[in-house]
Amino acid sequence: MPTSKTPLRVVLAGDHAGFPLKSFIAEWLSEGSSDRPVELTLKDCGAYDETPSDYPTFAIAVAAEIVAGRADKGILVCGSGVGVSVAANKVAGIRAAVCHDSYTAHQGVEHDDMNVLCVGGRVIGPELAKEVIKAFLKAEYTPKERHARRLEAVLKLEREGLPTS
């Protein structure tokens, strides 16, 4: 994660169904915006219009930026948020969740080290999306013993797969 002097590196993407909300988010988080929740740099990985597109493409783009260390957190938008969440979670190192309220958005980071926020462009509107994104971007993982223990169990599952009997 960035220090207090380095901006948070955020990557954003969404499919055609998420395009209107993704465009709103991109404009809001852009460098010239006066009400960004944190100091950040933003990389927009598409879609760039409402031409039908496949959500896994955008989940992969965001996941690749995070896994390669070029981004700290990601935001994905599709119609419901579910498709991009399912796809992103297939990538080792990604912990994505659909959040449509601010509590879940910050708690997912603080307790579970969530690094990708997924929202549904057909589920929430721009103002609620701003509140959810603010909570996500401001939150930091708090490695209390119980959080670290649970996260390690998730990471072990990611590394080793299901236990054999």
N, C-alpha and C. Protein backbone atom coordinates (compact mmCIF):
# COMPACT_ATOMS: atom_id res chain seq x y z
N MET A 1 0.84 -1.19 0.00
CA MET A 1 0.00 0.00 0.00
C MET A 1 0.87 1.24 0.00
N PRO A 2 0.34 2.32 -0.50
CA PRO A 2 1.12 3.54 -0.57
C PRO A 2 1.33 4.15 0.81
N THR A 3 2.36 4.95 0.93
CA THR A 3 2.58 5.70 2.16
C THR A 3 1.73 6.96 2.10
N SER A 4 1.80 7.75 3.15
CA SER A 4 1.01 8.98 3.17
C SER A 4 1.44 9.96 2.08
N LYS A 5 2.65 9.77 1.54
CA LYS A 5 3.13 10.70 0.52
C LYS A 5 2.93 10.19 -0.91
N THR A 6 2.66 8.90 -1.07
CA THR A 6 2.45 8.37 -2.41
C THR A 6 0.97 8.13 -2.64
N PRO A 7 0.48 8.45 -3.80
CA PRO A 7 -0.94 8.27 -4.07
C PRO A 7 -1.31 6.79 -4.21
N LEU A 8 -2.52 6.48 -3.84
CA LEU A 8 -3.08 5.15 -4.03
C LEU A 8 -3.22 4.92 -5.53
N ARG A 9 -2.77 3.77 -6.00
CA ARG A 9 -2.88 3.44 -7.42
C ARG A 9 -4.13 2.60 -7.62
N VAL A 10 -5.10 3.16 -8.34
CA VAL A 10 -6.40 2.53 -8.54
C VAL A 10 -6.59 2.21 -10.01
N VAL A 11 -7.09 1.00 -10.27
CA VAL A 11 -7.42 0.59 -11.63
C VAL A 11 -8.92 0.34 -11.69
N LEU A 12 -9.53 0.77 -12.78
CA LEU A 12 -10.98 0.75 -12.95
C LEU A 12 -11.33 0.11 -14.28
N ALA A 13 -12.38 -0.70 -14.30
CA ALA A 13 -12.87 -1.26 -15.56
C ALA A 13 -14.30 -1.73 -15.38
N GLY A 14 -14.97 -1.89 -16.49
CA GLY A 14 -16.33 -2.42 -16.47
C GLY A 14 -16.79 -2.76 -17.87
N ASP A 15 -17.75 -3.65 -17.97
CA ASP A 15 -18.28 -4.05 -19.27
C ASP A 15 -19.32 -3.06 -19.75
N HIS A 16 -20.00 -3.40 -20.84
CA HIS A 16 -21.00 -2.50 -21.43
C HIS A 16 -22.14 -2.18 -20.46
N ALA A 17 -22.54 -3.16 -19.65
CA ALA A 17 -23.63 -2.94 -18.70
C ALA A 17 -23.20 -1.99 -17.58
N GLY A 18 -21.93 -2.00 -17.26
CA GLY A 18 -21.42 -1.11 -16.23
C GLY A 18 -20.89 0.20 -16.76
N PHE A 19 -20.88 0.35 -18.08
CA PHE A 19 -20.24 1.52 -18.70
C PHE A 19 -20.75 2.86 -18.17
N PRO A 20 -22.06 3.08 -18.08
CA PRO A 20 -22.50 4.41 -17.59
C PRO A 20 -21.97 4.72 -16.19
N LEU A 21 -22.07 3.78 -15.27
CA LEU A 21 -21.58 4.03 -13.91
C LEU A 21 -20.06 4.11 -13.90
N LYS A 22 -19.38 3.24 -14.66
CA LYS A 22 -17.92 3.27 -14.72
C LYS A 22 -17.44 4.63 -15.24
N SER A 23 -18.12 5.17 -16.22
CA SER A 23 -17.75 6.48 -16.77
C SER A 23 -17.91 7.58 -15.72
N PHE A 24 -18.99 7.50 -14.96
CA PHE A 24 -19.21 8.46 -13.88
C PHE A 24 -18.07 8.36 -12.85
N ILE A 25 -17.73 7.12 -12.46
CA ILE A 25 -16.66 6.91 -11.48
C ILE A 25 -15.33 7.43 -12.01
N ALA A 26 -15.04 7.15 -13.27
CA ALA A 26 -13.78 7.61 -13.87
C ALA A 26 -13.69 9.13 -13.84
N GLU A 27 -14.76 9.79 -14.17
CA GLU A 27 -14.76 11.27 -14.15
C GLU A 27 -14.59 11.77 -12.72
N TRP A 28 -15.30 11.18 -11.79
CA TRP A 28 -15.24 11.60 -10.39
C TRP A 28 -13.84 11.40 -9.81
N LEU A 29 -13.19 10.29 -10.14
CA LEU A 29 -11.87 10.00 -9.59
C LEU A 29 -10.73 10.59 -10.40
N SER A 30 -11.05 11.29 -11.48
CA SER A 30 -10.00 11.86 -12.32
C SER A 30 -9.23 12.94 -11.57
N GLU A 31 -8.07 13.24 -12.08
CA GLU A 31 -7.15 14.15 -11.41
C GLU A 31 -7.73 15.52 -11.12
N GLY A 32 -8.60 16.02 -11.96
CA GLY A 32 -9.14 17.35 -11.77
C GLY A 32 -10.31 17.43 -10.81
N SER A 33 -10.81 16.29 -10.36
CA SER A 33 -11.97 16.27 -9.48
C SER A 33 -11.62 16.83 -8.11
N SER A 34 -12.49 17.69 -7.59
CA SER A 34 -12.21 18.34 -6.31
C SER A 34 -12.65 17.52 -5.10
N ASP A 35 -13.47 16.49 -5.31
CA ASP A 35 -13.98 15.74 -4.15
C ASP A 35 -13.56 14.27 -4.14
N ARG A 36 -12.36 13.99 -4.67
CA ARG A 36 -11.85 12.62 -4.59
C ARG A 36 -11.61 12.28 -3.13
N PRO A 37 -11.88 11.03 -2.73
CA PRO A 37 -11.77 10.67 -1.31
C PRO A 37 -10.34 10.55 -0.79
N VAL A 38 -9.40 10.23 -1.65
CA VAL A 38 -7.99 10.08 -1.28
C VAL A 38 -7.14 10.54 -2.45
N GLU A 39 -5.86 10.79 -2.18
CA GLU A 39 -4.93 11.10 -3.26
C GLU A 39 -4.70 9.81 -4.03
N LEU A 40 -4.91 9.84 -5.34
CA LEU A 40 -4.80 8.62 -6.12
C LEU A 40 -4.41 8.90 -7.55
N THR A 41 -3.92 7.84 -8.19
CA THR A 41 -3.76 7.83 -9.64
C THR A 41 -4.75 6.80 -10.15
N LEU A 42 -5.30 7.06 -11.32
CA LEU A 42 -6.34 6.19 -11.86
C LEU A 42 -5.96 5.69 -13.24
N LYS A 43 -6.08 4.40 -13.44
CA LYS A 43 -5.92 3.80 -14.76
C LYS A 43 -7.26 3.20 -15.15
N ASP A 44 -7.79 3.60 -16.29
CA ASP A 44 -9.06 3.12 -16.81
C ASP A 44 -8.78 2.06 -17.86
N CYS A 45 -9.22 0.84 -17.61
CA CYS A 45 -8.99 -0.28 -18.53
C CYS A 45 -10.23 -0.62 -19.36
N GLY A 46 -11.15 0.31 -19.53
CA GLY A 46 -12.31 0.09 -20.38
C GLY A 46 -13.49 -0.47 -19.60
N ALA A 47 -14.53 -0.73 -20.26
CA ALA A 47 -14.91 -0.47 -21.64
C ALA A 47 -15.02 1.04 -21.86
N TYR A 48 -14.95 1.40 -23.12
CA TYR A 48 -14.97 2.81 -23.46
C TYR A 48 -16.25 3.23 -24.16
N ASP A 49 -17.19 2.30 -24.28
CA ASP A 49 -18.52 2.60 -24.83
C ASP A 49 -19.46 1.46 -24.44
N GLU A 50 -20.69 1.52 -24.92
CA GLU A 50 -21.69 0.52 -24.54
C GLU A 50 -21.83 -0.62 -25.55
N THR A 51 -20.84 -0.77 -26.41
CA THR A 51 -20.82 -1.92 -27.32
C THR A 51 -20.77 -3.19 -26.47
N PRO A 52 -21.63 -4.18 -26.76
CA PRO A 52 -21.61 -5.40 -25.95
C PRO A 52 -20.20 -5.97 -25.80
N SER A 53 -19.85 -6.30 -24.55
CA SER A 53 -18.52 -6.80 -24.23
C SER A 53 -18.65 -7.84 -23.13
N ASP A 54 -17.58 -8.54 -22.88
CA ASP A 54 -17.59 -9.64 -21.92
C ASP A 54 -16.89 -9.24 -20.62
N TYR A 55 -17.61 -9.35 -19.51
CA TYR A 55 -17.07 -8.92 -18.22
C TYR A 55 -15.77 -9.60 -17.83
N PRO A 56 -15.51 -10.88 -18.17
CA PRO A 56 -14.22 -11.46 -17.76
C PRO A 56 -13.02 -10.70 -18.31
N THR A 57 -13.15 -10.13 -19.49
CA THR A 57 -12.05 -9.35 -20.08
C THR A 57 -11.62 -8.23 -19.14
N PHE A 58 -12.57 -7.57 -18.54
CA PHE A 58 -12.28 -6.42 -17.69
C PHE A 58 -11.82 -6.86 -16.30
N ALA A 59 -12.37 -7.97 -15.81
CA ALA A 59 -11.90 -8.52 -14.54
C ALA A 59 -10.44 -8.93 -14.66
N ILE A 60 -10.08 -9.54 -15.77
CA ILE A 60 -8.69 -9.94 -16.01
C ILE A 60 -7.79 -8.71 -16.09
N ALA A 61 -8.23 -7.67 -16.75
CA ALA A 61 -7.41 -6.46 -16.89
C ALA A 61 -7.11 -5.84 -15.52
N VAL A 62 -8.11 -5.74 -14.68
CA VAL A 62 -7.91 -5.17 -13.34
C VAL A 62 -7.03 -6.10 -12.50
N ALA A 63 -7.33 -7.39 -12.52
CA ALA A 63 -6.54 -8.35 -11.74
C ALA A 63 -5.07 -8.33 -12.16
N ALA A 64 -4.82 -8.25 -13.45
CA ALA A 64 -3.44 -8.24 -13.95
C ALA A 64 -2.67 -7.04 -13.42
N GLU A 65 -3.29 -5.89 -13.35
CA GLU A 65 -2.62 -4.68 -12.83
C GLU A 65 -2.26 -4.85 -11.36
N ILE A 66 -3.15 -5.44 -10.59
CA ILE A 66 -2.91 -5.61 -9.15
C ILE A 66 -1.84 -6.68 -8.92
N VAL A 67 -1.98 -7.82 -9.57
CA VAL A 67 -1.03 -8.92 -9.37
C VAL A 67 0.37 -8.52 -9.81
N ALA A 68 0.47 -7.71 -10.86
CA ALA A 68 1.78 -7.25 -11.34
C ALA A 68 2.37 -6.14 -10.47
N GLY A 69 1.60 -5.65 -9.51
CA GLY A 69 2.09 -4.60 -8.62
C GLY A 69 1.97 -3.20 -9.18
N ARG A 70 1.22 -3.04 -10.25
CA ARG A 70 1.05 -1.71 -10.85
C ARG A 70 -0.14 -0.95 -10.27
N ALA A 71 -0.97 -1.64 -9.47
CA ALA A 71 -2.13 -1.00 -8.83
C ALA A 71 -2.27 -1.57 -7.43
N ASP A 72 -2.80 -0.76 -6.54
CA ASP A 72 -3.03 -1.16 -5.15
C ASP A 72 -4.44 -1.72 -4.96
N LYS A 73 -5.40 -1.09 -5.60
CA LYS A 73 -6.80 -1.49 -5.48
C LYS A 73 -7.47 -1.37 -6.84
N GLY A 74 -8.53 -2.17 -7.00
CA GLY A 74 -9.29 -2.13 -8.24
C GLY A 74 -10.77 -1.95 -7.99
N ILE A 75 -11.42 -1.39 -9.01
CA ILE A 75 -12.87 -1.23 -8.99
C ILE A 75 -13.39 -1.81 -10.30
N LEU A 76 -14.36 -2.71 -10.19
CA LEU A 76 -14.97 -3.34 -11.36
C LEU A 76 -16.47 -3.08 -11.35
N VAL A 77 -17.02 -2.83 -12.54
CA VAL A 77 -18.45 -2.55 -12.67
C VAL A 77 -19.02 -3.40 -13.80
N CYS A 78 -20.06 -4.14 -13.49
CA CYS A 78 -20.85 -4.81 -14.53
C CYS A 78 -22.31 -4.56 -14.17
N GLY A 79 -23.23 -5.26 -14.78
CA GLY A 79 -24.64 -5.01 -14.50
C GLY A 79 -24.99 -5.21 -13.03
N SER A 80 -24.60 -6.35 -12.47
CA SER A 80 -24.92 -6.65 -11.07
C SER A 80 -23.73 -6.55 -10.13
N GLY A 81 -22.52 -6.61 -10.68
CA GLY A 81 -21.31 -6.70 -9.87
C GLY A 81 -20.88 -8.14 -9.64
N VAL A 82 -21.80 -9.07 -9.81
CA VAL A 82 -21.52 -10.48 -9.53
C VAL A 82 -20.57 -11.09 -10.55
N GLY A 83 -20.82 -10.88 -11.82
CA GLY A 83 -19.98 -11.49 -12.86
C GLY A 83 -18.52 -11.10 -12.73
N VAL A 84 -18.25 -9.82 -12.58
CA VAL A 84 -16.85 -9.39 -12.44
C VAL A 84 -16.23 -9.91 -11.15
N SER A 85 -17.02 -10.04 -10.11
CA SER A 85 -16.52 -10.59 -8.85
C SER A 85 -16.13 -12.05 -9.02
N VAL A 86 -16.99 -12.83 -9.62
CA VAL A 86 -16.70 -14.25 -9.84
C VAL A 86 -15.44 -14.39 -10.68
N ALA A 87 -15.35 -13.64 -11.77
CA ALA A 87 -14.19 -13.74 -12.67
C ALA A 87 -12.91 -13.29 -11.97
N ALA A 88 -12.94 -12.17 -11.30
CA ALA A 88 -11.73 -11.64 -10.65
C ALA A 88 -11.22 -12.59 -9.58
N ASN A 89 -12.12 -13.24 -8.86
CA ASN A 89 -11.72 -14.13 -7.79
C ASN A 89 -11.07 -15.42 -8.29
N LYS A 90 -11.08 -15.66 -9.56
CA LYS A 90 -10.38 -16.82 -10.13
C LYS A 90 -8.88 -16.57 -10.24
N VAL A 91 -8.46 -15.33 -10.07
CA VAL A 91 -7.05 -14.96 -10.21
C VAL A 91 -6.39 -14.98 -8.84
N ALA A 92 -5.31 -15.75 -8.72
CA ALA A 92 -4.56 -15.81 -7.46
C ALA A 92 -4.09 -14.41 -7.08
N GLY A 93 -4.29 -14.05 -5.83
CA GLY A 93 -3.88 -12.75 -5.34
C GLY A 93 -5.00 -11.72 -5.32
N ILE A 94 -6.14 -12.08 -5.90
CA ILE A 94 -7.27 -11.15 -5.93
C ILE A 94 -8.31 -11.58 -4.90
N ARG A 95 -8.78 -10.60 -4.16
CA ARG A 95 -9.87 -10.79 -3.21
C ARG A 95 -10.91 -9.74 -3.54
N ALA A 96 -11.90 -10.16 -4.32
CA ALA A 96 -12.92 -9.24 -4.83
C ALA A 96 -14.26 -9.54 -4.17
N ALA A 97 -15.05 -8.50 -3.97
CA ALA A 97 -16.39 -8.69 -3.41
C ALA A 97 -17.34 -7.65 -3.97
N VAL A 98 -18.59 -8.06 -4.11
CA VAL A 98 -19.66 -7.15 -4.48
C VAL A 98 -20.09 -6.42 -3.22
N CYS A 99 -20.06 -5.10 -3.27
CA CYS A 99 -20.47 -4.28 -2.13
C CYS A 99 -21.38 -3.17 -2.64
N HIS A 100 -22.55 -3.09 -2.04
CA HIS A 100 -23.48 -2.02 -2.40
C HIS A 100 -23.84 -1.16 -1.19
N ASP A 101 -22.98 -1.23 -0.16
CA ASP A 101 -23.13 -0.37 1.01
C ASP A 101 -21.74 -0.05 1.54
N SER A 102 -21.61 1.04 2.26
CA SER A 102 -20.28 1.48 2.70
C SER A 102 -19.71 0.59 3.80
N TYR A 103 -20.55 0.02 4.66
CA TYR A 103 -20.02 -0.85 5.72
C TYR A 103 -19.29 -2.04 5.12
N THR A 104 -19.93 -2.74 4.20
CA THR A 104 -19.31 -3.92 3.59
C THR A 104 -18.05 -3.53 2.85
N ALA A 105 -18.04 -2.39 2.21
CA ALA A 105 -16.87 -1.95 1.44
C ALA A 105 -15.65 -1.71 2.33
N HIS A 106 -15.84 -1.08 3.48
CA HIS A 106 -14.66 -0.86 4.33
C HIS A 106 -14.34 -2.10 5.17
N GLN A 107 -15.35 -2.83 5.61
CA GLN A 107 -15.11 -4.02 6.41
C GLN A 107 -14.40 -5.09 5.59
N GLY A 108 -14.72 -5.21 4.31
CA GLY A 108 -14.05 -6.18 3.45
C GLY A 108 -12.56 -5.93 3.33
N VAL A 109 -12.18 -4.67 3.35
CA VAL A 109 -10.75 -4.32 3.31
C VAL A 109 -10.14 -4.54 4.69
N GLU A 110 -10.77 -4.01 5.72
CA GLU A 110 -10.20 -4.05 7.07
C GLU A 110 -10.03 -5.47 7.60
N HIS A 111 -10.99 -6.34 7.36
CA HIS A 111 -10.96 -7.69 7.92
C HIS A 111 -10.42 -8.73 6.94
N ASP A 112 -10.71 -8.58 5.65
CA ASP A 112 -10.43 -9.62 4.67
C ASP A 112 -9.39 -9.24 3.63
N ASP A 113 -8.82 -8.05 3.75
CA ASP A 113 -7.81 -7.55 2.81
C ASP A 113 -8.32 -7.56 1.37
N MET A 114 -9.60 -7.23 1.20
CA MET A 114 -10.21 -7.14 -0.13
C MET A 114 -9.45 -6.10 -0.95
N ASN A 115 -9.09 -6.45 -2.18
CA ASN A 115 -8.36 -5.49 -3.01
C ASN A 115 -9.11 -5.08 -4.27
N VAL A 116 -10.27 -5.67 -4.51
CA VAL A 116 -11.09 -5.28 -5.65
C VAL A 116 -12.54 -5.11 -5.20
N LEU A 117 -13.07 -3.95 -5.44
CA LEU A 117 -14.47 -3.64 -5.18
C LEU A 117 -15.26 -3.86 -6.46
N CYS A 118 -16.35 -4.59 -6.36
CA CYS A 118 -17.23 -4.84 -7.50
C CYS A 118 -18.59 -4.22 -7.20
N VAL A 119 -19.11 -3.48 -8.16
CA VAL A 119 -20.43 -2.86 -8.00
C VAL A 119 -21.27 -3.10 -9.23
N GLY A 120 -22.57 -3.06 -9.03
CA GLY A 120 -23.51 -3.27 -10.12
C GLY A 120 -24.05 -1.96 -10.65
N GLY A 121 -23.75 -1.69 -11.89
CA GLY A 121 -24.21 -0.46 -12.53
C GLY A 121 -25.72 -0.41 -12.71
N ARG A 122 -26.37 -1.57 -12.67
CA ARG A 122 -27.83 -1.63 -12.77
C ARG A 122 -28.47 -1.79 -11.40
N VAL A 123 -27.65 -1.73 -10.35
CA VAL A 123 -28.14 -1.95 -8.99
C VAL A 123 -28.10 -0.67 -8.17
N ILE A 124 -26.97 0.05 -8.24
CA ILE A 124 -26.84 1.28 -7.45
C ILE A 124 -26.60 2.47 -8.38
N GLY A 125 -26.94 3.63 -7.87
CA GLY A 125 -26.74 4.85 -8.64
C GLY A 125 -25.43 5.52 -8.30
N PRO A 126 -25.15 6.61 -8.97
CA PRO A 126 -23.87 7.30 -8.81
C PRO A 126 -23.57 7.79 -7.40
N GLU A 127 -24.54 8.34 -6.70
CA GLU A 127 -24.26 8.89 -5.37
C GLU A 127 -23.96 7.80 -4.36
N LEU A 128 -24.71 6.70 -4.41
CA LEU A 128 -24.40 5.57 -3.52
C LEU A 128 -23.06 4.96 -3.91
N ALA A 129 -22.79 4.86 -5.19
CA ALA A 129 -21.50 4.33 -5.64
C ALA A 129 -20.36 5.16 -5.06
N LYS A 130 -20.50 6.47 -5.04
CA LYS A 130 -19.46 7.33 -4.47
C LYS A 130 -19.22 7.00 -3.00
N GLU A 131 -20.28 6.82 -2.24
CA GLU A 131 -20.13 6.51 -0.81
C GLU A 131 -19.46 5.16 -0.61
N VAL A 132 -19.84 4.17 -1.41
CA VAL A 132 -19.25 2.83 -1.30
C VAL A 132 -17.76 2.89 -1.68
N ILE A 133 -17.45 3.59 -2.75
CA ILE A 133 -16.06 3.70 -3.21
C ILE A 133 -15.21 4.47 -2.21
N LYS A 134 -15.75 5.53 -1.64
CA LYS A 134 -15.02 6.28 -0.61
C LYS A 134 -14.64 5.35 0.53
N ALA A 135 -15.60 4.56 1.01
CA ALA A 135 -15.33 3.64 2.12
C ALA A 135 -14.26 2.63 1.74
N PHE A 136 -14.32 2.10 0.53
CA PHE A 136 -13.34 1.12 0.05
C PHE A 136 -11.95 1.74 -0.06
N LEU A 137 -11.85 2.90 -0.69
CA LEU A 137 -10.54 3.50 -0.93
C LEU A 137 -9.87 4.00 0.35
N LYS A 138 -10.64 4.44 1.32
CA LYS A 138 -10.08 4.95 2.57
C LYS A 138 -9.69 3.83 3.53
N ALA A 139 -10.26 2.66 3.36
CA ALA A 139 -10.03 1.56 4.31
C ALA A 139 -8.65 0.93 4.13
N GLU A 140 -8.12 0.44 5.25
CA GLU A 140 -6.84 -0.28 5.25
C GLU A 140 -7.01 -1.58 6.02
N TYR A 141 -6.32 -2.59 5.58
CA TYR A 141 -6.34 -3.88 6.26
C TYR A 141 -5.80 -3.72 7.67
N THR A 142 -6.50 -4.28 8.65
CA THR A 142 -6.08 -4.24 10.04
C THR A 142 -5.74 -5.67 10.46
N PRO A 143 -4.47 -6.01 10.42
CA PRO A 143 -4.08 -7.41 10.64
C PRO A 143 -4.14 -7.86 12.10
N LYS A 144 -5.32 -7.72 12.70
CA LYS A 144 -5.51 -8.28 14.03
C LYS A 144 -5.36 -9.79 13.92
N GLU A 145 -5.06 -10.44 15.03
CA GLU A 145 -4.78 -11.88 15.00
C GLU A 145 -5.89 -12.66 14.30
N ARG A 146 -7.13 -12.39 14.62
CA ARG A 146 -8.23 -13.16 14.02
C ARG A 146 -8.35 -12.89 12.53
N HIS A 147 -8.10 -11.65 12.10
CA HIS A 147 -8.15 -11.33 10.68
C HIS A 147 -7.02 -12.03 9.93
N ALA A 148 -5.83 -11.95 10.50
CA ALA A 148 -4.67 -12.57 9.86
C ALA A 148 -4.83 -14.08 9.77
N ARG A 149 -5.37 -14.70 10.81
CA ARG A 149 -5.59 -16.14 10.81
C ARG A 149 -6.57 -16.55 9.72
N ARG A 150 -7.64 -15.82 9.59
CA ARG A 150 -8.66 -16.14 8.58
C ARG A 150 -8.14 -15.87 7.18
N LEU A 151 -7.42 -14.77 7.01
CA LEU A 151 -6.85 -14.47 5.70
C LEU A 151 -5.84 -15.54 5.31
N GLU A 152 -5.02 -15.97 6.24
CA GLU A 152 -4.06 -17.03 5.93
C GLU A 152 -4.76 -18.30 5.50
N ALA A 153 -5.90 -18.62 6.10
CA ALA A 153 -6.66 -19.80 5.68
C ALA A 153 -7.14 -19.65 4.24
N VAL A 154 -7.57 -18.46 3.88
CA VAL A 154 -8.00 -18.19 2.49
C VAL A 154 -6.81 -18.31 1.54
N LEU A 155 -5.69 -17.73 1.92
CA LEU A 155 -4.50 -17.78 1.07
C LEU A 155 -3.98 -19.22 0.91
N LYS A 156 -4.08 -20.00 1.97
CA LYS A 156 -3.69 -21.40 1.89
C LYS A 156 -4.59 -22.15 0.91
N LEU A 157 -5.87 -21.89 0.97
CA LEU A 157 -6.82 -22.50 0.04
C LEU A 157 -6.47 -22.11 -1.40
N GLU A 158 -6.11 -20.86 -1.60
CA GLU A 158 -5.71 -20.38 -2.92
C GLU A 158 -4.44 -21.10 -3.41
N ARG A 159 -3.48 -21.28 -2.53
CA ARG A 159 -2.22 -21.93 -2.88
C ARG A 159 -2.37 -23.43 -3.11
N GLU A 160 -3.10 -24.09 -2.23
CA GLU A 160 -3.10 -25.55 -2.19
C GLU A 160 -4.38 -26.19 -2.71
N GLY A 161 -5.43 -25.42 -2.86
CA GLY A 161 -6.71 -26.00 -3.25
C GLY A 161 -7.40 -26.68 -2.07
N LEU A 162 -8.43 -27.43 -2.37
CA LEU A 162 -9.19 -28.12 -1.33
C LEU A 162 -8.34 -29.18 -0.65
N PRO A 163 -8.52 -29.34 0.66
CA PRO A 163 -7.79 -30.41 1.35
C PRO A 163 -8.24 -31.77 0.83
N THR A 164 -7.32 -32.69 0.74
CA THR A 164 -7.68 -34.04 0.32
C THR A 164 -8.03 -34.85 1.55
N SER A 165 -8.96 -35.76 1.38
CA SER A 165 -9.37 -36.56 2.54
C SER A 165 -8.74 -37.91 2.57
